[in-house]
Amino acid sequence: MIEVTVKLKNKSGLHARPAAIFVETAKKFKSKITVSKEKNIADAKNILQLLTLGIDYGDEIKIIVEGEDEKNAINELIHLIEDILPSEDV
């Protein structure tokens, strides 16, 4: 199991389009992936659960990955949050 805390840099938060991109990326992996904000937890492969977390710009989220491809999954999701989504025109 790998746990990483990241700060959201996307100005519009993890809503609508950025959330859809995050979910589609998470679905590529076999590992169980969850996202938590404060005490709330969501399945990273379920857009409705992810949206209910209300992740906004500057929020810190914890990404927890457990499974056979956890290293690849966490690396790609961190790259997505830190490098791709901040530059997305959402």
PDB file of N, CA and C in Angstrom:
ATOM      1  N   MET A   1       0.848  -1.185   0.000  1.00  0.00           N
ATOM      2  CA  MET A   1       0.000   0.000   0.000  1.00  0.00           C
ATOM      3  C   MET A   1       0.891   1.245   0.000  1.00  0.00           C
ATOM      4  N   ILE A   2       0.493   2.210  -0.821  1.00  0.00           N
ATOM      5  CA  ILE A   2       1.220   3.473  -0.908  1.00  0.00           C
ATOM      6  C   ILE A   2       0.243   4.609  -0.618  1.00  0.00           C
ATOM      7  N   GLU A   3       0.657   5.522   0.251  1.00  0.00           N
ATOM      8  CA  GLU A   3      -0.140   6.716   0.575  1.00  0.00           C
ATOM      9  C   GLU A   3       0.682   7.957   0.281  1.00  0.00           C
ATOM     10  N   VAL A   4       0.067   8.897  -0.441  1.00  0.00           N
ATOM     11  CA  VAL A   4       0.753  10.145  -0.750  1.00  0.00           C
ATOM     12  C   VAL A   4      -0.224  11.299  -0.564  1.00  0.00           C
ATOM     13  N   THR A   5       0.257  12.390   0.035  1.00  0.00           N
ATOM     14  CA  THR A   5      -0.553  13.595   0.171  1.00  0.00           C
ATOM     15  C   THR A   5      -0.073  14.605  -0.856  1.00  0.00           C
ATOM     16  N   VAL A   6      -1.020  15.153  -1.618  1.00  0.00           N
ATOM     17  CA  VAL A   6      -0.696  16.156  -2.634  1.00  0.00           C
ATOM     18  C   VAL A   6      -1.620  17.353  -2.471  1.00  0.00           C
ATOM     19  N   LYS A   7      -1.122  18.498  -2.905  1.00  0.00           N
ATOM     20  CA  LYS A   7      -1.898  19.738  -2.850  1.00  0.00           C
ATOM     21  C   LYS A   7      -2.417  20.037  -4.252  1.00  0.00           C
ATOM     22  N   LEU A   8      -3.702  20.314  -4.357  1.00  0.00           N
ATOM     23  CA  LEU A   8      -4.310  20.559  -5.656  1.00  0.00           C
ATOM     24  C   LEU A   8      -3.942  21.943  -6.165  1.00  0.00           C
ATOM     25  N   LYS A   9      -3.370  21.997  -7.367  1.00  0.00           N
ATOM     26  CA  LYS A   9      -2.922  23.249  -7.961  1.00  0.00           C
ATOM     27  C   LYS A   9      -3.850  23.744  -9.058  1.00  0.00           C
ATOM     28  N   ASN A  10      -4.849  22.949  -9.425  1.00  0.00           N
ATOM     29  CA  ASN A  10      -5.784  23.336 -10.481  1.00  0.00           C
ATOM     30  C   ASN A  10      -6.723  24.406  -9.938  1.00  0.00           C
ATOM     31  N   LYS A  11      -6.785  25.559 -10.604  1.00  0.00           N
ATOM     32  CA  LYS A  11      -7.574  26.699 -10.123  1.00  0.00           C
ATOM     33  C   LYS A  11      -9.057  26.383  -9.959  1.00  0.00           C
ATOM     34  N   SER A  12      -9.586  25.441 -10.744  1.00  0.00           N
ATOM     35  CA  SER A  12     -11.014  25.122 -10.626  1.00  0.00           C
ATOM     36  C   SER A  12     -11.260  23.919  -9.724  1.00  0.00           C
ATOM     37  N   GLY A  13     -10.218  23.427  -9.070  1.00  0.00           N
ATOM     38  CA  GLY A  13     -10.385  22.297  -8.185  1.00  0.00           C
ATOM     39  C   GLY A  13     -10.535  21.002  -8.966  1.00  0.00           C
ATOM     40  N   LEU A  14     -10.969  19.972  -8.275  1.00  0.00           N
ATOM     41  CA  LEU A  14     -11.165  18.668  -8.910  1.00  0.00           C
ATOM     42  C   LEU A  14     -12.661  18.493  -9.169  1.00  0.00           C
ATOM     43  N   HIS A  15     -13.155  19.281 -10.096  1.00  0.00           N
ATOM     44  CA  HIS A  15     -14.573  19.273 -10.445  1.00  0.00           C
ATOM     45  C   HIS A  15     -14.722  18.937 -11.915  1.00  0.00           C
ATOM     46  N   ALA A  16     -15.869  18.428 -12.297  1.00  0.00           N
ATOM     47  CA  ALA A  16     -16.252  18.144 -13.676  1.00  0.00           C
ATOM     48  C   ALA A  16     -15.134  17.531 -14.523  1.00  0.00           C
ATOM     49  N   ARG A  17     -14.588  18.299 -15.445  1.00  0.00           N
ATOM     50  CA  ARG A  17     -13.606  17.761 -16.395  1.00  0.00           C
ATOM     51  C   ARG A  17     -12.334  17.241 -15.721  1.00  0.00           C
ATOM     52  N   PRO A  18     -11.709  17.983 -14.807  1.00  0.00           N
ATOM     53  CA  PRO A  18     -10.515  17.437 -14.153  1.00  0.00           C
ATOM     54  C   PRO A  18     -10.817  16.145 -13.381  1.00  0.00           C
ATOM     55  N   ALA A  19     -11.991  16.066 -12.755  1.00  0.00           N
ATOM     56  CA  ALA A  19     -12.370  14.854 -12.027  1.00  0.00           C
ATOM     57  C   ALA A  19     -12.544  13.692 -12.988  1.00  0.00           C
ATOM     58  N   ALA A  20     -13.145  13.947 -14.136  1.00  0.00           N
ATOM     59  CA  ALA A  20     -13.339  12.898 -15.144  1.00  0.00           C
ATOM     60  C   ALA A  20     -11.988  12.374 -15.638  1.00  0.00           C
ATOM     61  N   ILE A  21     -11.035  13.272 -15.852  1.00  0.00           N
ATOM     62  CA  ILE A  21      -9.695  12.861 -16.279  1.00  0.00           C
ATOM     63  C   ILE A  21      -9.038  12.015 -15.188  1.00  0.00           C
ATOM     64  N   PHE A  22      -9.181  12.425 -13.946  1.00  0.00           N
ATOM     65  CA  PHE A  22      -8.602  11.697 -12.816  1.00  0.00           C
ATOM     66  C   PHE A  22      -9.196  10.291 -12.731  1.00  0.00           C
ATOM     67  N   VAL A  23     -10.526  10.192 -12.843  1.00  0.00           N
ATOM     68  CA  VAL A  23     -11.218   8.901 -12.753  1.00  0.00           C
ATOM     69  C   VAL A  23     -10.796   7.989 -13.903  1.00  0.00           C
ATOM     70  N   GLU A  24     -10.747   8.505 -15.111  1.00  0.00           N
ATOM     71  CA  GLU A  24     -10.339   7.692 -16.258  1.00  0.00           C
ATOM     72  C   GLU A  24      -8.909   7.188 -16.101  1.00  0.00           C
ATOM     73  N   THR A  25      -8.049   8.008 -15.540  1.00  0.00           N
ATOM     74  CA  THR A  25      -6.669   7.581 -15.284  1.00  0.00           C
ATOM     75  C   THR A  25      -6.650   6.475 -14.235  1.00  0.00           C
ATOM     76  N   ALA A  26      -7.396   6.640 -13.160  1.00  0.00           N
ATOM     77  CA  ALA A  26      -7.448   5.639 -12.086  1.00  0.00           C
ATOM     78  C   ALA A  26      -7.985   4.299 -12.600  1.00  0.00           C
ATOM     79  N   LYS A  27      -8.938   4.344 -13.509  1.00  0.00           N
ATOM     80  CA  LYS A  27      -9.554   3.119 -14.035  1.00  0.00           C
ATOM     81  C   LYS A  27      -8.589   2.281 -14.872  1.00  0.00           C
ATOM     82  N   LYS A  28      -7.488   2.856 -15.293  1.00  0.00           N
ATOM     83  CA  LYS A  28      -6.509   2.118 -16.088  1.00  0.00           C
ATOM     84  C   LYS A  28      -5.752   1.081 -15.256  1.00  0.00           C
ATOM     85  N   PHE A  29      -5.850   1.197 -13.937  1.00  0.00           N
ATOM     86  CA  PHE A  29      -5.064   0.342 -13.054  1.00  0.00           C
ATOM     87  C   PHE A  29      -5.941  -0.673 -12.332  1.00  0.00           C
ATOM     88  N   LYS A  30      -5.332  -1.823 -12.018  1.00  0.00           N
ATOM     89  CA  LYS A  30      -6.042  -2.890 -11.303  1.00  0.00           C
ATOM     90  C   LYS A  30      -6.131  -2.605  -9.805  1.00  0.00           C
ATOM     91  N   SER A  31      -5.207  -1.831  -9.292  1.00  0.00           N
ATOM     92  CA  SER A  31      -5.140  -1.537  -7.859  1.00  0.00           C
ATOM     93  C   SER A  31      -6.398  -0.830  -7.367  1.00  0.00           C
ATOM     94  N   LYS A  32      -6.659  -1.020  -6.075  1.00  0.00           N
ATOM     95  CA  LYS A  32      -7.718  -0.259  -5.414  1.00  0.00           C
ATOM     96  C   LYS A  32      -7.150   1.124  -5.132  1.00  0.00           C
ATOM     97  N   ILE A  33      -7.881   2.167  -5.565  1.00  0.00           N
ATOM     98  CA  ILE A  33      -7.401   3.532  -5.391  1.00  0.00           C
ATOM     99  C   ILE A  33      -8.477   4.348  -4.691  1.00  0.00           C
ATOM    100  N   THR A  34      -8.104   4.975  -3.589  1.00  0.00           N
ATOM    101  CA  THR A  34      -9.034   5.845  -2.882  1.00  0.00           C
ATOM    102  C   THR A  34      -8.408   7.225  -2.717  1.00  0.00           C
ATOM    103  N   VAL A  35      -9.290   8.201  -2.569  1.00  0.00           N
ATOM    104  CA  VAL A  35      -8.876   9.579  -2.341  1.00  0.00           C
ATOM    105  C   VAL A  35      -9.566  10.050  -1.080  1.00  0.00           C
ATOM    106  N   SER A  36      -8.835  10.721  -0.216  1.00  0.00           N
ATOM    107  CA  SER A  36      -9.473  11.253   0.985  1.00  0.00           C
ATOM    108  C   SER A  36      -9.164  12.739   1.129  1.00  0.00           C
ATOM    109  N   LYS A  37     -10.168  13.434   1.620  1.00  0.00           N
ATOM    110  CA  LYS A  37     -10.027  14.849   1.963  1.00  0.00           C
ATOM    111  C   LYS A  37     -10.592  14.971   3.372  1.00  0.00           C
ATOM    112  N   GLU A  38      -9.741  15.404   4.272  1.00  0.00           N
ATOM    113  CA  GLU A  38     -10.082  15.450   5.680  1.00  0.00           C
ATOM    114  C   GLU A  38     -10.497  14.045   6.111  1.00  0.00           C
ATOM    115  N   LYS A  39     -11.724  13.839   6.569  1.00  0.00           N
ATOM    116  CA  LYS A  39     -12.135  12.503   7.025  1.00  0.00           C
ATOM    117  C   LYS A  39     -13.017  11.784   6.009  1.00  0.00           C
ATOM    118  N   ASN A  40     -13.224  12.386   4.853  1.00  0.00           N
ATOM    119  CA  ASN A  40     -14.077  11.788   3.835  1.00  0.00           C
ATOM    120  C   ASN A  40     -13.241  11.012   2.829  1.00  0.00           C
ATOM    121  N   ILE A  41     -13.760   9.855   2.413  1.00  0.00           N
ATOM    122  CA  ILE A  41     -13.038   8.967   1.517  1.00  0.00           C
ATOM    123  C   ILE A  41     -13.913   8.634   0.312  1.00  0.00           C
ATOM    124  N   ALA A  42     -13.271   8.563  -0.864  1.00  0.00           N
ATOM    125  CA  ALA A  42     -13.995   8.221  -2.089  1.00  0.00           C
ATOM    126  C   ALA A  42     -13.192   7.221  -2.911  1.00  0.00           C
ATOM    127  N   ASP A  43     -13.902   6.394  -3.647  1.00  0.00           N
ATOM    128  CA  ASP A  43     -13.299   5.502  -4.626  1.00  0.00           C
ATOM    129  C   ASP A  43     -12.857   6.361  -5.808  1.00  0.00           C
ATOM    130  N   ALA A  44     -11.587   6.329  -6.153  1.00  0.00           N
ATOM    131  CA  ALA A  44     -11.050   7.178  -7.216  1.00  0.00           C
ATOM    132  C   ALA A  44     -11.556   6.781  -8.599  1.00  0.00           C
ATOM    133  N   LYS A  45     -12.211   5.632  -8.688  1.00  0.00           N
ATOM    134  CA  LYS A  45     -12.744   5.168  -9.968  1.00  0.00           C
ATOM    135  C   LYS A  45     -14.232   5.474 -10.111  1.00  0.00           C
ATOM    136  N   ASN A  46     -14.770   6.209  -9.147  1.00  0.00           N
ATOM    137  CA  ASN A  46     -16.190   6.555  -9.145  1.00  0.00           C
ATOM    138  C   ASN A  46     -16.317   8.079  -9.128  1.00  0.00           C
ATOM    139  N   ILE A  47     -16.745   8.654 -10.247  1.00  0.00           N
ATOM    140  CA  ILE A  47     -16.773  10.117 -10.362  1.00  0.00           C
ATOM    141  C   ILE A  47     -17.727  10.762  -9.362  1.00  0.00           C
ATOM    142  N   LEU A  48     -18.861  10.141  -9.095  1.00  0.00           N
ATOM    143  CA  LEU A  48     -19.808  10.742  -8.144  1.00  0.00           C
ATOM    144  C   LEU A  48     -19.216  10.807  -6.747  1.00  0.00           C
ATOM    145  N   GLN A  49     -18.559   9.733  -6.332  1.00  0.00           N
ATOM    146  CA  GLN A  49     -17.919   9.744  -5.015  1.00  0.00           C
ATOM    147  C   GLN A  49     -16.816  10.794  -4.957  1.00  0.00           C
ATOM    148  N   LEU A  50     -16.032  10.876  -6.021  1.00  0.00           N
ATOM    149  CA  LEU A  50     -14.939  11.846  -6.052  1.00  0.00           C
ATOM    150  C   LEU A  50     -15.464  13.277  -5.981  1.00  0.00           C
ATOM    151  N   LEU A  51     -16.510  13.560  -6.729  1.00  0.00           N
ATOM    152  CA  LEU A  51     -17.085  14.913  -6.728  1.00  0.00           C
ATOM    153  C   LEU A  51     -17.675  15.292  -5.370  1.00  0.00           C
ATOM    154  N   THR A  52     -18.192  14.307  -4.632  1.00  0.00           N
ATOM    155  CA  THR A  52     -18.779  14.625  -3.320  1.00  0.00           C
ATOM    156  C   THR A  52     -17.738  15.079  -2.305  1.00  0.00           C
ATOM    157  N   LEU A  53     -16.452  14.824  -2.577  1.00  0.00           N
ATOM    158  CA  LEU A  53     -15.407  15.302  -1.666  1.00  0.00           C
ATOM    159  C   LEU A  53     -15.260  16.818  -1.718  1.00  0.00           C
ATOM    160  N   GLY A  54     -15.704  17.439  -2.812  1.00  0.00           N
ATOM    161  CA  GLY A  54     -15.618  18.899  -2.925  1.00  0.00           C
ATOM    162  C   GLY A  54     -14.188  19.403  -2.865  1.00  0.00           C
ATOM    163  N   ILE A  55     -13.323  18.834  -3.675  1.00  0.00           N
ATOM    164  CA  ILE A  55     -11.905  19.188  -3.659  1.00  0.00           C
ATOM    165  C   ILE A  55     -11.698  20.484  -4.432  1.00  0.00           C
ATOM    166  N   ASP A  56     -11.204  21.497  -3.744  1.00  0.00           N
ATOM    167  CA  ASP A  56     -10.996  22.817  -4.325  1.00  0.00           C
ATOM    168  C   ASP A  56      -9.513  23.143  -4.435  1.00  0.00           C
ATOM    169  N   TYR A  57      -9.222  24.226  -5.142  1.00  0.00           N
ATOM    170  CA  TYR A  57      -7.855  24.713  -5.310  1.00  0.00           C
ATOM    171  C   TYR A  57      -7.196  24.871  -3.935  1.00  0.00           C
ATOM    172  N   GLY A  58      -5.998  24.348  -3.814  1.00  0.00           N
ATOM    173  CA  GLY A  58      -5.240  24.472  -2.571  1.00  0.00           C
ATOM    174  C   GLY A  58      -5.515  23.405  -1.540  1.00  0.00           C
ATOM    175  N   ASP A  59      -6.544  22.590  -1.760  1.00  0.00           N
ATOM    176  CA  ASP A  59      -6.845  21.510  -0.812  1.00  0.00           C
ATOM    177  C   ASP A  59      -5.774  20.433  -0.875  1.00  0.00           C
ATOM    178  N   GLU A  60      -5.505  19.843   0.272  1.00  0.00           N
ATOM    179  CA  GLU A  60      -4.618  18.688   0.315  1.00  0.00           C
ATOM    180  C   GLU A  60      -5.469  17.440   0.315  1.00  0.00           C
ATOM    181  N   ILE A  61      -5.115  16.506  -0.550  1.00  0.00           N
ATOM    182  CA  ILE A  61      -5.817  15.228  -0.607  1.00  0.00           C
ATOM    183  C   ILE A  61      -4.804  14.110  -0.420  1.00  0.00           C
ATOM    184  N   LYS A  62      -5.291  13.007   0.070  1.00  0.00           N
ATOM    185  CA  LYS A  62      -4.453  11.835   0.229  1.00  0.00           C
ATOM    186  C   LYS A  62      -4.903  10.817  -0.810  1.00  0.00           C
ATOM    187  N   ILE A  63      -3.963  10.294  -1.571  1.00  0.00           N
ATOM    188  CA  ILE A  63      -4.240   9.242  -2.541  1.00  0.00           C
ATOM    189  C   ILE A  63      -3.653   7.958  -1.967  1.00  0.00           C
ATOM    190  N   ILE A  64      -4.507   6.931  -1.855  1.00  0.00           N
ATOM    191  CA  ILE A  64      -4.092   5.657  -1.292  1.00  0.00           C
ATOM    192  C   ILE A  64      -4.273   4.592  -2.370  1.00  0.00           C
ATOM    193  N   VAL A  65      -3.198   3.873  -2.673  1.00  0.00           N
ATOM    194  CA  VAL A  65      -3.230   2.860  -3.727  1.00  0.00           C
ATOM    195  C   VAL A  65      -2.731   1.540  -3.161  1.00  0.00           C
ATOM    196  N   GLU A  66      -3.494   0.468  -3.450  1.00  0.00           N
ATOM    197  CA  GLU A  66      -3.110  -0.849  -2.964  1.00  0.00           C
ATOM    198  C   GLU A  66      -3.381  -1.883  -4.047  1.00  0.00           C
ATOM    199  N   GLY A  67      -2.314  -2.565  -4.460  1.00  0.00           N
ATOM    200  CA  GLY A  67      -2.486  -3.600  -5.462  1.00  0.00           C
ATOM    201  C   GLY A  67      -1.223  -3.850  -6.254  1.00  0.00           C
ATOM    202  N   GLU A  68      -1.350  -4.717  -7.243  1.00  0.00           N
ATOM    203  CA  GLU A  68      -0.186  -5.181  -7.993  1.00  0.00           C
ATOM    204  C   GLU A  68       0.507  -4.099  -8.820  1.00  0.00           C
ATOM    205  N   ASP A  69      -0.244  -3.078  -9.253  1.00  0.00           N
ATOM    206  CA  ASP A  69       0.358  -2.016 -10.061  1.00  0.00           C
ATOM    207  C   ASP A  69       0.351  -0.672  -9.326  1.00  0.00           C
ATOM    208  N   GLU A  70       0.447  -0.746  -7.997  1.00  0.00           N
ATOM    209  CA  GLU A  70       0.320   0.461  -7.166  1.00  0.00           C
ATOM    210  C   GLU A  70       1.389   1.513  -7.445  1.00  0.00           C
ATOM    211  N   LYS A  71       2.615   1.089  -7.717  1.00  0.00           N
ATOM    212  CA  LYS A  71       3.683   2.069  -7.968  1.00  0.00           C
ATOM    213  C   LYS A  71       3.413   2.860  -9.242  1.00  0.00           C
ATOM    214  N   ASN A  72       3.031   2.166 -10.301  1.00  0.00           N
ATOM    215  CA  ASN A  72       2.716   2.855 -11.553  1.00  0.00           C
ATOM    216  C   ASN A  72       1.498   3.758 -11.377  1.00  0.00           C
ATOM    217  N   ALA A  73       0.495   3.265 -10.665  1.00  0.00           N
ATOM    218  CA  ALA A  73      -0.733   4.035 -10.461  1.00  0.00           C
ATOM    219  C   ALA A  73      -0.453   5.323  -9.696  1.00  0.00           C
ATOM    220  N   ILE A  74       0.269   5.231  -8.585  1.00  0.00           N
ATOM    221  CA  ILE A  74       0.512   6.418  -7.775  1.00  0.00           C
ATOM    222  C   ILE A  74       1.373   7.418  -8.540  1.00  0.00           C
ATOM    223  N   ASN A  75       2.360   6.920  -9.270  1.00  0.00           N
ATOM    224  CA  ASN A  75       3.211   7.832 -10.040  1.00  0.00           C
ATOM    225  C   ASN A  75       2.415   8.577 -11.103  1.00  0.00           C
ATOM    226  N   GLU A  76       1.537   7.875 -11.804  1.00  0.00           N
ATOM    227  CA  GLU A  76       0.765   8.528 -12.848  1.00  0.00           C
ATOM    228  C   GLU A  76      -0.252   9.515 -12.269  1.00  0.00           C
ATOM    229  N   LEU A  77      -0.881   9.164 -11.150  1.00  0.00           N
ATOM    230  CA  LEU A  77      -1.865  10.071 -10.539  1.00  0.00           C
ATOM    231  C   LEU A  77      -1.195  11.314  -9.962  1.00  0.00           C
ATOM    232  N   ILE A  78      -0.033  11.166  -9.370  1.00  0.00           N
ATOM    233  CA  ILE A  78       0.701  12.325  -8.862  1.00  0.00           C
ATOM    234  C   ILE A  78       1.100  13.229 -10.028  1.00  0.00           C
ATOM    235  N   HIS A  79       1.611  12.634 -11.087  1.00  0.00           N
ATOM    236  CA  HIS A  79       1.980  13.401 -12.283  1.00  0.00           C
ATOM    237  C   HIS A  79       0.765  14.153 -12.821  1.00  0.00           C
ATOM    238  N   LEU A  80      -0.366  13.501 -12.832  1.00  0.00           N
ATOM    239  CA  LEU A  80      -1.600  14.127 -13.309  1.00  0.00           C
ATOM    240  C   LEU A  80      -1.955  15.343 -12.450  1.00  0.00           C
ATOM    241  N   ILE A  81      -1.967  15.184 -11.150  1.00  0.00           N
ATOM    242  CA  ILE A  81      -2.335  16.266 -10.224  1.00  0.00           C
ATOM    243  C   ILE A  81      -1.329  17.412 -10.274  1.00  0.00           C
ATOM    244  N   GLU A  82      -0.043  17.090 -10.284  1.00  0.00           N
ATOM    245  CA  GLU A  82       0.982  18.129 -10.162  1.00  0.00           C
ATOM    246  C   GLU A  82       1.394  18.778 -11.481  1.00  0.00           C
ATOM    247  N   ASP A  83       1.324  18.035 -12.577  1.00  0.00           N
ATOM    248  CA  ASP A  83       1.873  18.560 -13.828  1.00  0.00           C
ATOM    249  C   ASP A  83       0.863  18.772 -14.941  1.00  0.00           C
ATOM    250  N   ILE A  84      -0.144  17.924 -15.030  1.00  0.00           N
ATOM    251  CA  ILE A  84      -1.078  18.015 -16.155  1.00  0.00           C
ATOM    252  C   ILE A  84      -2.284  18.871 -15.823  1.00  0.00           C
ATOM    253  N   LEU A  85      -2.983  18.552 -14.764  1.00  0.00           N
ATOM    254  CA  LEU A  85      -4.214  19.283 -14.446  1.00  0.00           C
ATOM    255  C   LEU A  85      -4.017  20.771 -14.187  1.00  0.00           C
ATOM    256  N   PRO A  86      -2.920  21.214 -13.571  1.00  0.00           N
ATOM    257  CA  PRO A  86      -2.768  22.654 -13.380  1.00  0.00           C
ATOM    258  C   PRO A  86      -2.736  23.435 -14.691  1.00  0.00           C
ATOM    259  N   SER A  87      -2.290  22.794 -15.762  1.00  0.00           N
ATOM    260  CA  SER A  87      -2.198  23.510 -17.031  1.00  0.00           C
ATOM    261  C   SER A  87      -3.415  23.290 -17.923  1.00  0.00           C
ATOM    262  N   GLU A  88      -4.334  22.434 -17.483  1.00  0.00           N
ATOM    263  CA  GLU A  88      -5.551  22.193 -18.256  1.00  0.00           C
ATOM    264  C   GLU A  88      -6.387  23.463 -18.315  1.00  0.00           C
ATOM    265  N   ASP A  89      -6.962  23.713 -19.425  1.00  0.00           N
ATOM    266  CA  ASP A  89      -7.861  24.850 -19.597  1.00  0.00           C
ATOM    267  C   ASP A  89      -9.273  24.385 -19.292  1.00  0.00           C
ATOM    268  N   VAL A  90      -9.658  24.462 -18.021  1.00  0.00           N
ATOM    269  CA  VAL A  90     -10.962  23.945 -17.593  1.00  0.00           C
ATOM    270  C   VAL A  90     -11.940  25.059 -17.295  1.00  0.00           C
TER     271      VAL A  90
END
